[in-house]
Protein backbone atom coordinates (compact mmCIF):
# COMPACT_ATOMS: atom_id res chain seq x y z
CA MET A 1 -51.71 83.07 -71.54
CA PRO A 2 -51.85 79.23 -70.36
CA LYS A 3 -51.25 78.69 -66.79
CA VAL A 4 -48.67 75.74 -65.72
CA ALA A 5 -48.44 74.53 -62.06
CA ILE A 6 -45.24 72.74 -60.93
CA LEU A 7 -46.30 70.86 -58.06
CA ASP A 8 -44.47 69.67 -54.75
CA ASP A 9 -41.22 71.53 -55.36
CA TYR A 10 -40.63 71.40 -51.62
CA ALA A 11 -36.71 72.23 -52.11
CA CYS A 12 -37.83 75.21 -54.17
CA VAL A 13 -35.41 74.04 -57.30
CA ALA A 14 -37.48 73.43 -60.11
CA LEU A 15 -36.97 77.04 -61.93
CA ASP A 16 -33.17 76.71 -61.02
CA LEU A 17 -32.43 73.18 -62.27
CA ALA A 18 -33.73 73.84 -66.02
CA ASP A 19 -34.50 76.69 -68.32
CA TRP A 20 -37.79 77.59 -67.95
CA SER A 21 -37.88 80.49 -70.34
CA PRO A 22 -39.74 78.67 -73.37
CA VAL A 23 -42.50 77.77 -71.09
CA ARG A 24 -42.25 81.19 -68.95
CA ASP A 25 -42.31 83.38 -72.11
CA ARG A 26 -45.74 82.04 -73.18
CA ALA A 27 -47.12 81.01 -70.27
CA ASP A 28 -48.02 81.97 -66.65
CA VAL A 29 -46.07 79.64 -64.19
CA THR A 30 -46.55 79.30 -60.61
CA VAL A 31 -44.72 77.00 -58.19
CA PHE A 32 -46.21 74.87 -55.35
CA ASP A 33 -43.59 74.60 -52.77
CA ARG A 34 -45.34 72.37 -50.31
CA HIS A 35 -47.90 69.22 -50.30
CA ILE A 36 -51.21 70.32 -51.33
CA ALA A 37 -54.41 67.86 -49.91
CA GLU A 38 -57.17 67.12 -52.47
CA ASN A 39 -59.63 69.11 -50.93
CA GLU A 40 -57.68 72.20 -51.09
CA ALA A 41 -56.00 71.19 -54.69
CA VAL A 42 -59.72 71.33 -56.02
CA GLU A 43 -59.86 75.19 -55.60
CA ALA A 44 -56.01 76.13 -56.07
CA LEU A 45 -55.54 74.26 -59.24
CA GLN A 46 -58.69 75.19 -60.98
CA PRO A 47 -57.16 77.81 -63.37
CA PHE A 48 -54.19 75.83 -64.35
CA ASP A 49 -54.09 74.34 -68.42
CA VAL A 50 -51.04 72.71 -67.21
CA VAL A 51 -49.69 70.51 -63.91
CA CYS A 52 -46.43 69.20 -63.94
CA THR A 53 -45.96 66.53 -61.21
CA LEU A 54 -42.74 64.97 -59.50
CA ARG A 55 -43.12 61.14 -58.61
CA GLU A 56 -46.10 60.22 -56.42
CA ARG A 57 -45.89 63.28 -54.34
CA MET A 58 -48.98 64.16 -55.07
CA ALA A 59 -52.18 62.36 -55.94
CA PHE A 60 -54.58 62.79 -58.94
CA PRO A 61 -57.62 60.16 -58.65
CA ARG A 62 -60.49 60.56 -60.55
CA THR A 63 -62.10 62.59 -57.66
CA LEU A 64 -59.76 65.30 -58.34
CA ILE A 65 -59.38 65.03 -61.87
CA GLU A 66 -63.18 65.57 -62.63
CA ARG A 67 -63.09 68.64 -60.72
CA LEU A 68 -60.37 70.42 -63.16
CA PRO A 69 -62.17 71.60 -65.85
CA ASN A 70 -59.38 73.59 -67.30
CA LEU A 71 -56.79 70.67 -67.15
CA LYS A 72 -55.02 69.74 -70.59
CA LEU A 73 -52.04 68.16 -69.47
CA ILE A 74 -50.14 66.38 -67.06
CA THR A 75 -46.49 65.81 -67.10
CA ILE A 76 -45.22 62.71 -65.10
CA VAL A 77 -42.07 60.95 -63.78
CA GLY A 78 -42.34 57.14 -65.58
CA MET A 79 -44.37 55.56 -67.73
CA SER A 80 -47.45 55.90 -65.31
CA LEU A 81 -48.02 57.34 -62.20
CA PRO A 82 -49.32 54.81 -59.31
CA ASN A 83 -51.53 57.87 -57.82
CA LEU A 84 -52.77 58.86 -61.10
CA ASP A 85 -56.16 57.83 -62.48
CA MET A 86 -55.21 57.56 -66.03
CA ALA A 87 -58.61 56.17 -67.12
CA ALA A 88 -60.20 59.55 -65.73
CA ALA A 89 -57.67 61.77 -67.48
CA SER A 90 -58.21 59.86 -70.79
CA GLU A 91 -61.88 60.00 -70.68
CA ARG A 92 -61.49 63.82 -70.17
CA GLY A 93 -59.15 64.09 -72.93
CA ILE A 94 -56.39 64.95 -71.04
CA LEU A 95 -52.74 64.63 -72.02
CA VAL A 96 -50.29 62.58 -69.71
CA ALA A 97 -46.59 63.32 -70.67
CA HIS A 98 -43.78 61.19 -69.62
CA PRO A 99 -39.96 61.50 -69.80
CA ASN A 100 -37.55 60.41 -72.17
CA PHE A 101 -35.69 57.62 -70.25
CA ALA A 102 -33.24 57.56 -73.37
CA ASN A 103 -32.09 61.02 -71.67
CA PRO A 104 -28.13 60.15 -70.69
CA ARG A 105 -29.16 62.54 -67.71
CA PHE A 106 -31.23 59.54 -66.25
CA ALA A 107 -28.65 56.83 -66.56
CA ALA A 108 -25.82 59.43 -64.83
CA ALA A 109 -28.54 60.26 -62.00
CA SER A 110 -29.87 56.68 -61.45
CA ASN A 111 -27.67 55.61 -58.21
CA GLY A 112 -29.35 58.11 -55.90
CA THR A 113 -31.63 55.94 -54.20
CA PRO A 114 -29.10 53.30 -53.45
CA GLU A 115 -26.40 55.90 -52.17
CA LEU A 116 -29.48 56.94 -50.16
CA ALA A 117 -30.42 53.56 -48.88
CA TRP A 118 -26.59 52.88 -47.73
CA GLY A 119 -26.39 55.80 -46.09
CA LEU A 120 -29.55 55.49 -44.12
CA MET A 121 -28.41 52.03 -43.39
CA ILE A 122 -25.10 53.26 -41.65
CA ALA A 123 -26.86 56.19 -39.86
CA THR A 124 -29.32 53.67 -38.49
CA VAL A 125 -27.14 50.79 -37.43
CA ARG A 126 -24.92 53.69 -35.67
CA ASN A 127 -27.97 55.66 -34.25
CA LEU A 128 -26.57 58.92 -35.43
CA ALA A 129 -30.21 60.52 -35.78
CA GLU A 130 -30.29 60.17 -31.69
CA GLU A 131 -27.03 60.91 -31.16
CA HIS A 132 -27.28 64.26 -33.88
CA ARG A 133 -30.27 65.28 -31.65
CA ARG A 134 -28.14 64.70 -28.35
CA MET A 135 -25.24 66.86 -29.61
CA ARG A 136 -27.69 69.85 -30.82
CA GLU A 137 -29.25 69.46 -27.12
CA GLY A 138 -25.83 69.96 -25.24
CA GLY A 139 -25.79 66.15 -24.96
CA TRP A 140 -22.98 63.56 -25.43
CA GLN A 141 -23.12 60.08 -26.56
CA ALA A 142 -25.64 57.46 -25.39
CA THR A 143 -25.76 54.38 -27.55
CA THR A 144 -23.58 52.00 -29.08
CA GLY A 145 -23.85 51.13 -32.82
CA LEU A 146 -23.22 47.82 -35.42
CA THR A 147 -20.17 47.15 -37.45
CA LEU A 148 -21.39 45.97 -40.65
CA ASP A 149 -18.30 44.18 -41.80
CA GLY A 150 -18.85 40.25 -41.29
CA LYS A 151 -22.76 40.94 -41.18
CA THR A 152 -25.10 39.39 -43.25
CA LEU A 153 -27.51 41.82 -45.43
CA GLY A 154 -30.78 40.47 -46.57
CA LEU A 155 -32.06 42.31 -49.85
CA LEU A 156 -35.99 42.12 -50.78
CA GLY A 157 -35.42 42.64 -54.22
CA LEU A 158 -32.10 42.22 -56.65
CA GLY A 159 -33.13 44.37 -59.33
CA ARG A 160 -30.96 47.46 -60.52
CA ILE A 161 -30.89 49.04 -57.01
CA GLY A 162 -30.47 45.83 -55.30
CA LYS A 163 -27.40 44.68 -57.40
CA ARG A 164 -25.90 48.02 -56.72
CA MET A 165 -26.31 47.50 -53.03
CA THR A 166 -24.46 44.11 -53.52
CA GLU A 167 -21.80 46.18 -54.74
CA TYR A 168 -21.86 48.14 -51.58
CA ALA A 169 -22.00 45.52 -49.37
CA LYS A 170 -18.97 43.57 -50.42
CA VAL A 171 -16.55 46.61 -50.04
CA PHE A 172 -17.82 46.51 -46.30
CA GLY A 173 -17.42 42.74 -46.17
CA MET A 174 -21.00 41.81 -45.92
CA GLU A 175 -22.38 38.58 -46.95
CA VAL A 176 -25.66 39.04 -49.03
CA ILE A 177 -28.75 36.71 -49.46
CA ALA A 178 -31.74 37.86 -51.31
CA TRP A 179 -35.49 36.76 -52.09
CA SER A 180 -38.03 38.43 -54.84
CA GLN A 181 -40.72 36.22 -56.27
CA ASN A 182 -38.97 35.91 -59.47
CA LEU A 183 -35.25 35.21 -58.41
CA THR A 184 -33.71 32.25 -59.26
CA THR A 185 -30.80 30.86 -57.69
CA GLU A 186 -28.45 31.05 -60.82
CA ALA A 187 -29.64 34.65 -61.27
CA ALA A 188 -28.52 35.68 -57.67
CA ALA A 189 -25.34 33.40 -57.87
CA ALA A 190 -24.42 35.43 -61.12
CA VAL A 191 -24.01 38.71 -59.09
CA GLY A 192 -22.13 36.78 -55.88
CA VAL A 193 -25.58 36.66 -53.86
CA ARG A 194 -27.16 33.59 -52.23
CA ARG A 195 -31.14 33.28 -52.75
CA VAL A 196 -33.05 32.40 -49.75
CA GLU A 197 -36.55 31.88 -49.14
CA ILE A 198 -38.17 35.12 -47.67
CA GLU A 199 -38.47 33.26 -44.20
CA ALA A 200 -34.78 32.37 -44.01
CA LEU A 201 -34.06 35.92 -45.49
CA PHE A 202 -35.79 37.76 -42.19
CA ALA A 203 -34.04 35.26 -39.87
CA GLU A 204 -30.63 35.32 -40.94
CA ALA A 205 -30.02 38.87 -41.97
CA ASP A 206 -28.59 41.45 -39.62
CA VAL A 207 -29.83 44.03 -42.11
CA VAL A 208 -32.61 43.74 -44.39
CA SER A 209 -33.34 46.32 -46.97
CA ILE A 210 -36.18 46.66 -49.18
CA HIS A 211 -35.71 47.27 -53.06
CA LEU A 212 -39.13 46.32 -54.53
CA VAL A 213 -41.61 48.25 -56.77
CA LEU A 214 -44.79 48.38 -55.23
CA SER A 215 -47.55 46.62 -56.61
CA ASP A 216 -50.58 44.15 -56.08
CA ARG A 217 -48.17 41.46 -55.02
CA THR A 218 -45.81 43.83 -52.69
CA ARG A 219 -48.59 45.70 -51.03
CA GLY A 220 -48.51 44.55 -47.50
CA LEU A 221 -45.65 41.80 -48.14
CA VAL A 222 -43.91 42.57 -44.70
CA THR A 223 -45.94 41.28 -42.21
CA GLY A 224 -45.72 41.08 -38.41
CA SER A 225 -45.11 37.61 -38.94
CA ASP A 226 -41.98 37.94 -41.21
CA LEU A 227 -40.38 40.77 -38.66
CA ALA A 228 -41.25 38.39 -35.42
CA LEU A 229 -38.37 35.95 -37.58
CA MET A 230 -35.82 39.07 -37.20
CA LYS A 231 -33.11 39.01 -34.83
CA PRO A 232 -33.39 41.33 -31.86
CA SER A 233 -30.23 42.80 -32.89
CA ALA A 234 -31.43 43.33 -36.62
CA TYR A 235 -32.60 46.54 -38.61
CA LEU A 236 -35.32 47.20 -41.19
CA ILE A 237 -34.49 49.57 -43.87
CA ASN A 238 -37.05 50.82 -46.47
CA THR A 239 -36.26 53.03 -49.57
CA SER A 240 -38.46 51.32 -51.55
CA ARG A 241 -42.23 52.45 -50.86
CA GLY A 242 -44.13 52.47 -47.35
CA PRO A 243 -46.99 50.14 -48.01
CA ILE A 244 -44.92 47.24 -48.64
CA VAL A 245 -44.48 47.10 -45.10
CA ASP A 246 -47.08 46.53 -42.56
CA GLU A 247 -46.58 49.93 -40.74
CA ALA A 248 -48.81 49.09 -37.56
CA ALA A 249 -46.88 45.92 -37.12
CA LEU A 250 -43.53 47.53 -37.69
CA ILE A 251 -44.44 50.24 -35.34
CA ALA A 252 -45.38 47.44 -32.93
CA ALA A 253 -42.15 45.34 -33.38
CA LEU A 254 -40.13 48.43 -32.78
CA GLY A 255 -42.27 49.87 -29.84
CA ALA A 256 -41.38 46.42 -28.18
CA GLY A 257 -38.01 46.14 -28.99
CA TRP A 258 -38.42 43.12 -31.05
CA ILE A 259 -35.75 44.50 -33.85
CA ALA A 260 -33.57 47.27 -33.11
CA GLY A 261 -34.30 49.63 -35.17
CA ALA A 262 -35.38 50.83 -38.61
CA GLY A 263 -34.21 53.34 -41.24
CA LEU A 264 -37.38 54.82 -43.35
CA ASP A 265 -37.21 57.29 -46.62
CA VAL A 266 -41.17 56.06 -47.51
CA TYR A 267 -44.28 55.77 -45.47
CA ASP A 268 -47.92 54.84 -46.07
CA THR A 269 -48.87 58.54 -46.10
CA GLU A 270 -46.50 60.92 -47.42
CA PRO A 271 -45.78 63.33 -45.49
CA PRO A 272 -46.95 61.45 -42.26
CA PRO A 273 -48.96 63.34 -39.95
CA PRO A 274 -47.10 65.27 -37.67
CA ASP A 275 -48.16 63.52 -34.61
CA HIS A 276 -47.28 59.82 -36.38
CA PRO A 277 -45.88 57.39 -33.82
CA LEU A 278 -42.53 56.83 -36.17
CA ARG A 279 -41.70 60.79 -35.75
CA SER A 280 -41.12 60.33 -32.12
CA MET A 281 -39.37 56.51 -31.83
CA PRO A 282 -36.13 56.88 -30.73
CA ASN A 283 -34.67 53.44 -32.63
CA VAL A 284 -36.10 54.96 -35.96
CA THR A 285 -34.17 56.80 -38.48
CA LEU A 286 -36.44 59.22 -40.86
CA SER A 287 -35.91 61.24 -43.95
CA PRO A 288 -38.35 62.37 -45.88
CA HIS A 289 -38.59 60.18 -49.60
CA LEU A 290 -35.36 61.53 -50.60
CA GLY A 291 -34.10 58.39 -52.24
CA TYR A 292 -34.53 59.95 -56.11
CA VAL A 293 -34.21 63.78 -54.54
CA THR A 294 -30.89 64.70 -56.20
CA ARG A 295 -29.60 67.67 -58.22
CA GLU A 296 -28.41 65.50 -61.22
CA LEU A 297 -31.96 63.67 -61.21
CA LEU A 298 -34.55 66.46 -60.85
CA THR A 299 -32.25 68.59 -63.73
CA ALA A 300 -33.04 65.50 -65.92
CA VAL A 301 -36.76 65.73 -64.97
CA TYR A 302 -37.31 69.40 -65.24
CA SER A 303 -35.51 69.73 -68.41
CA ASP A 304 -37.90 66.73 -70.10
CA THR A 305 -40.89 68.59 -68.35
CA VAL A 306 -39.77 71.55 -70.00
CA GLU A 307 -39.88 70.01 -73.48
CA ALA A 308 -43.13 68.63 -72.87
CA VAL A 309 -44.84 71.38 -71.87
CA THR A 310 -43.17 73.49 -74.55
CA ALA A 311 -44.48 71.17 -77.31
CA TRP A 312 -47.91 71.36 -75.95
CA LEU A 313 -47.57 74.51 -76.25
CA ASP A 314 -46.44 74.57 -79.81
CA GLY A 315 -49.51 72.12 -80.57
CA ALA A 316 -47.29 68.90 -80.95
CA PRO A 317 -47.15 67.18 -77.85
CA ILE A 318 -44.67 64.46 -77.18
CA ARG A 319 -44.22 61.44 -75.28
CA ILE A 320 -48.05 60.81 -74.73
CA ALA A 321 -48.69 58.04 -71.75
CA ASN A 322 -52.42 57.72 -72.66
CA ARG A 323 -52.09 58.57 -76.62
CA GLU A 324 -53.87 55.18 -77.45
CA ALA A 325 -56.64 55.60 -74.87
CA LEU A 326 -57.27 59.24 -76.47
CA ALA A 327 -57.59 57.80 -79.74
CA GLU A 328 -60.31 55.66 -78.55
CA ARG A 329 -62.34 58.34 -77.27
């Protein structure tokens, strides 16, 4: 029987959130509930014909793909996977199947990330993680928080998520300013936002929240110089991608008290090592890349995954992202 691996199912929900019987009746299915490093993955994934990935939780560089001789299908979330070497997969004849974004379940689950971002913002400016730790240890309050009403929210990025953040901000009585490479004054004004230059955004905002796609243009975009422009009472929230921010510069700014704190859901390396400095800083609120991780979204993801694997088992693969590259082989 073909062998199918479900990767990085940290919460052990993949088999519960979709009906895998069309696959399990015809293939051996193995669930990996922890992150697997590349060297371990070479041995662990050797037998598998199919691997089902979840966003960027696991990388598939050429060095790994070329050492998995049985691999025939990779399912991904998105039209591409930033840490998947699509060319290497195509050269080896490996199909890469993407989800059906016309699936109404995806639209219904699309607000998971902005909701998490807003919750992380409140937790950060009110020091909830630190106070939670004290309560667990038998202590009592030791910090003071920030009221969002009347403050300025600076958005790096005013796409779908940024616009949703704007709606939340207005309910909380915040002024919103925004910047991105392609944002115009007119587009910002259309949603009640004031467009500013990036330097002004960092200088004026009481909270800066990042909502940009990681790309060559945005990698390392937020530098130490930008953080130095922020008020000592200001906070940085990142639920987008870790490498958009110069992590060393952020750690330095937090350690020196140049900014009041940060709320982070994303990191340069995921998961970050146990001794990573951010894990022990009292003015940082951390979550383990939970932005898109909701039962609603994962139900849509895994339902589409089952559909793609079943179609492959039927010999009629669907939604193949690298179909043209494979045709040119």
